Amino acid sequence: MEKRNQLYEGKAKKVYETDAQGLLIVSYKDDATAFNGLKKGTISGKGIINNRMSNILMQRLEKGGIPTHFVEELNERETVVRRVSIVPLEVIVRNIAAGSFSQRYGVVEGEVFASPTIEFSYKNDELGDPLINDYHAIALKLATVEELETIKRYAFAVNEQLKSFWKDCGVTLVDFKLEFGRLGNGTIVLADEISPDTCRLWDSRTGEKLDKDRFRRDLGGVEDAYAEVMKRLTEHL
């Protein structure tokens, strides 16, 4: 497969056209950002870990009945994915209060919810990715009622599968962000990535943070945390 023109460069990835119909190449970077790009830095080796972890977890989810954009891993930083039109919603599933949820609602970080909760934010950097509800999403023509129901169903199913897997790894899945896209025929599939960039992962025994919060909060040991969570994942395949 031939990699052609770069289509897009985001905070963590570059996307390239290919000579194959309907397929793109995603290349993962070591760049790190937080707070809507206000904080920037580099996490050495992050792109390699995020690429591999996303691909492993997407393949597990496919087997569990969740359609994804994953096609094939090319090398340690690049993966072939199906071309999708991204639904401009960030879908956040939360099992435990942390981060912006704790700040926004005055809930102590670490409080376990009776059942998982879900939030949508409008993917719009200029507006600061504001929280919206289903009705806003429909009014803004970001998704249809049917698409939102599909996305929510998939998101909660992803949560159950990932929560169980990470538990086996000695890791607690606190919360995570997903993105979904439409294939050419309108089918909704899971897209983007699943990694310590997009998930809050805590050591189940100590509560130590093993994710991008170490970068956000200047806790240090960021590279070590990413490497540790990748080690645990590969040991439990």
Protein backbone atom coordinates (compact mmCIF):
# COMPACT_ATOMS: atom_id res chain seq x y z
CA MET A 1 0.00 0.00 0.00
CA GLU A 2 1.34 3.41 -0.96
CA LYS A 3 1.17 6.34 1.48
CA ARG A 4 0.25 9.54 -0.33
CA ASN A 5 -0.66 13.10 0.63
CA GLN A 6 -1.10 14.13 4.24
CA LEU A 7 -4.78 14.95 4.77
CA TYR A 8 -4.72 16.14 8.35
CA GLU A 9 -2.50 16.71 11.36
CA GLY A 10 -4.03 16.76 14.79
CA LYS A 11 -2.65 17.01 18.31
CA ALA A 12 -1.55 13.39 18.45
CA LYS A 13 -1.76 11.94 14.93
CA LYS A 14 -1.25 12.55 11.22
CA VAL A 15 -3.57 11.09 8.60
CA TYR A 16 -2.51 10.20 5.05
CA GLU A 17 -4.28 9.21 1.86
CA THR A 18 -3.37 5.88 0.27
CA ASP A 19 -3.68 4.35 -3.18
CA ALA A 20 -6.39 1.99 -1.82
CA GLN A 21 -10.06 2.98 -2.07
CA GLY A 22 -11.56 3.91 1.29
CA LEU A 23 -8.38 3.33 3.32
CA LEU A 24 -6.15 5.80 5.16
CA ILE A 25 -2.93 5.58 7.15
CA VAL A 26 -2.81 7.03 10.65
CA SER A 27 0.62 7.92 12.06
CA TYR A 28 0.95 8.41 15.82
CA LYS A 29 3.11 11.23 17.22
CA ASP A 30 4.87 11.73 20.56
CA ASP A 31 3.40 15.23 20.90
CA ALA A 32 1.27 15.74 23.99
CA THR A 33 -1.31 18.44 24.67
CA ALA A 34 -3.74 19.19 27.47
CA PHE A 35 -6.42 21.75 28.33
CA ASN A 36 -7.54 22.19 24.71
CA GLY A 37 -3.97 22.67 23.52
CA LEU A 38 -2.96 25.26 26.13
CA LYS A 39 -0.32 22.92 27.54
CA LYS A 40 2.08 21.27 25.10
CA GLY A 41 4.96 18.86 25.42
CA THR A 42 6.42 15.57 24.30
CA ILE A 43 6.06 12.10 25.80
CA SER A 44 8.87 9.98 24.39
CA GLY A 45 7.60 6.75 22.82
CA LYS A 46 3.94 7.67 23.36
CA GLY A 47 3.05 7.29 19.69
CA ILE A 48 4.39 3.74 19.58
CA ILE A 49 2.46 2.71 22.71
CA ASN A 50 -0.77 4.41 21.67
CA ASN A 51 -0.66 2.87 18.20
CA ARG A 52 -0.09 -0.65 19.48
CA MET A 53 -2.52 -0.40 22.39
CA SER A 54 -5.30 1.06 20.26
CA ASN A 55 -4.89 -1.71 17.71
CA ILE A 56 -4.90 -4.49 20.31
CA LEU A 57 -7.99 -3.12 22.03
CA MET A 58 -9.85 -2.36 18.79
CA GLN A 59 -9.33 -5.94 17.66
CA ARG A 60 -10.62 -7.24 21.00
CA LEU A 61 -13.68 -5.00 20.71
CA GLU A 62 -14.32 -6.19 17.14
CA LYS A 63 -14.44 -9.76 18.48
CA GLY A 64 -16.84 -8.48 21.14
CA GLY A 65 -19.26 -7.13 18.53
CA ILE A 66 -18.17 -3.48 18.28
CA PRO A 67 -17.41 -2.41 14.67
CA THR A 68 -14.26 -0.28 14.37
CA HIS A 69 -12.23 1.49 11.70
CA PHE A 70 -9.17 -0.74 12.29
CA VAL A 71 -7.76 -2.62 9.30
CA GLU A 72 -4.07 -3.43 9.74
CA GLU A 73 -1.02 -2.35 11.73
CA LEU A 74 1.80 -1.41 9.36
CA ASN A 75 4.61 -0.67 11.79
CA GLU A 76 5.17 0.62 15.31
CA ARG A 77 3.68 4.05 14.53
CA GLU A 78 1.39 3.56 11.53
CA THR A 79 -1.93 1.78 11.05
CA VAL A 80 -4.32 1.37 8.14
CA VAL A 81 -7.89 2.36 8.97
CA ARG A 82 -11.13 2.61 7.06
CA ARG A 83 -11.97 6.12 5.95
CA VAL A 84 -14.80 7.57 7.99
CA SER A 85 -16.58 10.86 8.41
CA ILE A 86 -16.06 11.63 12.10
CA VAL A 87 -19.20 12.40 14.09
CA PRO A 88 -18.19 15.69 15.77
CA LEU A 89 -18.89 14.45 19.27
CA GLU A 90 -16.52 13.39 22.01
CA VAL A 91 -18.21 10.61 23.93
CA ILE A 92 -17.04 10.38 27.55
CA VAL A 93 -17.96 7.36 29.65
CA ARG A 94 -17.27 7.64 33.38
CA ASN A 95 -17.20 4.94 36.06
CA ILE A 96 -15.56 7.01 38.80
CA ALA A 97 -15.54 10.75 39.49
CA ALA A 98 -12.33 12.40 38.31
CA GLY A 99 -10.94 15.34 36.35
CA SER A 100 -13.40 17.86 34.96
CA PHE A 101 -16.41 15.96 36.35
CA SER A 102 -15.14 16.38 39.91
CA GLN A 103 -14.32 20.04 39.31
CA ARG A 104 -17.59 20.83 37.55
CA TYR A 105 -19.92 19.18 40.03
CA GLY A 106 -17.93 19.35 43.28
CA VAL A 107 -17.61 15.58 43.59
CA VAL A 108 -14.60 14.13 45.39
CA GLU A 109 -12.23 12.46 42.95
CA GLY A 110 -12.42 8.69 43.34
CA GLU A 111 -16.13 8.43 44.15
CA VAL A 112 -17.46 5.34 42.36
CA PHE A 113 -20.74 5.82 40.53
CA ALA A 114 -23.66 3.44 41.10
CA SER A 115 -23.74 2.99 37.32
CA PRO A 116 -21.64 4.38 34.46
CA THR A 117 -22.51 7.82 33.12
CA ILE A 118 -22.04 9.28 29.65
CA GLU A 119 -21.37 12.82 28.40
CA PHE A 120 -21.17 14.36 24.96
CA SER A 121 -19.01 17.31 24.06
CA TYR A 122 -19.14 19.16 20.75
CA LYS A 123 -15.81 18.69 18.95
CA ASN A 124 -15.02 22.32 18.26
CA ASP A 125 -11.69 23.74 19.41
CA GLU A 126 -12.77 27.35 18.89
CA LEU A 127 -15.66 26.85 21.31
CA GLY A 128 -13.61 24.82 23.77
CA ASP A 129 -15.44 21.52 23.12
CA PRO A 130 -18.54 22.45 25.17
CA LEU A 131 -20.70 19.82 26.85
CA ILE A 132 -23.98 19.22 25.00
CA ASN A 133 -26.93 16.88 25.34
CA ASP A 134 -28.76 14.72 22.80
CA TYR A 135 -31.17 17.49 21.86
CA HIS A 136 -28.33 19.92 21.20
CA ALA A 137 -26.59 17.34 19.01
CA ILE A 138 -29.75 16.84 16.97
CA ALA A 139 -30.45 20.58 16.72
CA LEU A 140 -26.90 21.18 15.50
CA LYS A 141 -27.30 18.31 13.01
CA LEU A 142 -24.25 16.55 14.45
CA ALA A 143 -26.04 13.20 14.54
CA THR A 144 -29.50 11.68 14.19
CA VAL A 145 -31.57 10.21 16.99
CA GLU A 146 -30.79 6.72 15.68
CA GLU A 147 -27.06 7.43 15.48
CA LEU A 148 -26.98 8.77 19.03
CA GLU A 149 -28.72 5.64 20.31
CA THR A 150 -26.21 3.46 18.44
CA ILE A 151 -23.28 5.47 19.77
CA LYS A 152 -24.53 5.23 23.36
CA ARG A 153 -25.15 1.51 23.05
CA TYR A 154 -21.67 0.93 21.66
CA ALA A 155 -20.04 3.23 24.23
CA PHE A 156 -21.53 1.38 27.20
CA ALA A 157 -20.65 -1.98 25.61
CA VAL A 158 -17.06 -0.78 25.11
CA ASN A 159 -17.00 0.23 28.77
CA GLU A 160 -18.07 -3.19 29.99
CA GLN A 161 -15.52 -4.99 27.84
CA LEU A 162 -12.61 -2.67 28.64
CA LYS A 163 -13.44 -2.51 32.35
CA SER A 164 -13.28 -6.30 32.57
CA PHE A 165 -10.05 -6.52 30.57
CA TRP A 166 -8.26 -3.81 32.53
CA LYS A 167 -9.38 -5.35 35.82
CA ASP A 168 -7.54 -8.53 34.81
CA CYS A 169 -4.46 -6.32 34.28
CA GLY A 170 -4.68 -4.85 37.78
CA VAL A 171 -5.90 -1.55 36.34
CA THR A 172 -9.10 0.38 37.12
CA LEU A 173 -10.81 2.03 34.15
CA VAL A 174 -11.91 5.36 35.62
CA ASP A 175 -13.21 7.07 32.49
CA PHE A 176 -12.41 7.38 28.80
CA LYS A 177 -13.18 9.31 25.62
CA LEU A 178 -14.36 7.72 22.38
CA GLU A 179 -14.99 9.05 18.90
CA PHE A 180 -17.19 7.47 16.26
CA GLY A 181 -17.35 7.84 12.51
CA ARG A 182 -19.61 7.04 9.58
CA LEU A 183 -18.50 4.74 6.79
CA GLY A 184 -19.50 5.62 3.24
CA ASN A 185 -22.77 3.71 3.68
CA GLY A 186 -23.60 5.55 6.92
CA THR A 187 -22.68 2.71 9.28
CA ILE A 188 -21.44 3.94 12.65
CA VAL A 189 -18.06 2.52 13.74
CA LEU A 190 -15.64 3.20 16.57
CA ALA A 191 -12.75 5.39 15.38
CA ASP A 192 -9.83 7.43 16.76
CA GLU A 193 -7.83 5.63 19.49
CA ILE A 194 -7.97 3.91 22.88
CA SER A 195 -4.86 4.70 24.89
CA PRO A 196 -3.50 6.35 28.06
CA ASP A 197 -4.10 9.62 26.17
CA THR A 198 -7.85 8.99 26.05
CA CYS A 199 -8.44 6.84 29.17
CA ARG A 200 -7.94 7.41 32.89
CA LEU A 201 -6.24 4.26 34.16
CA TRP A 202 -5.40 3.80 37.85
CA ASP A 203 -3.44 1.02 39.48
CA SER A 204 -6.13 -1.09 41.15
CA ARG A 205 -4.10 -1.61 44.31
CA THR A 206 -2.36 1.73 44.87
CA GLY A 207 -4.53 4.16 42.90
CA GLU A 208 -1.44 5.41 41.07
CA LYS A 209 -2.27 7.23 37.85
CA LEU A 210 -1.05 5.42 34.73
CA ASP A 211 -2.27 7.86 32.08
CA LYS A 212 -2.01 11.38 30.66
CA ASP A 213 -3.04 12.94 33.97
CA ARG A 214 0.62 12.56 34.92
CA PHE A 215 1.38 15.03 32.11
CA ARG A 216 -1.63 17.27 32.78
CA ARG A 217 -0.84 17.59 36.48
CA ASP A 218 2.98 17.64 36.28
CA LEU A 219 3.25 14.46 38.34
CA GLY A 220 6.33 13.21 36.55
CA GLY A 221 7.03 9.64 35.43
CA VAL A 222 4.81 9.99 32.37
CA GLU A 223 6.85 7.72 30.09
CA ASP A 224 7.15 5.11 32.84
CA ALA A 225 3.39 5.11 33.42
CA TYR A 226 2.64 4.60 29.71
CA ALA A 227 5.21 1.81 29.53
CA GLU A 228 3.81 0.12 32.65
CA VAL A 229 0.24 0.08 31.37
CA MET A 230 1.43 -1.28 28.02
CA LYS A 231 3.43 -3.99 29.80
CA ARG A 232 0.38 -5.08 31.77
CA LEU A 233 -1.77 -5.13 28.65
CA THR A 234 0.64 -7.35 26.68
CA GLU A 235 1.06 -9.70 29.64
CA HIS A 236 -2.69 -10.38 29.65
CA LEU A 237 -3.31 -11.00 25.95
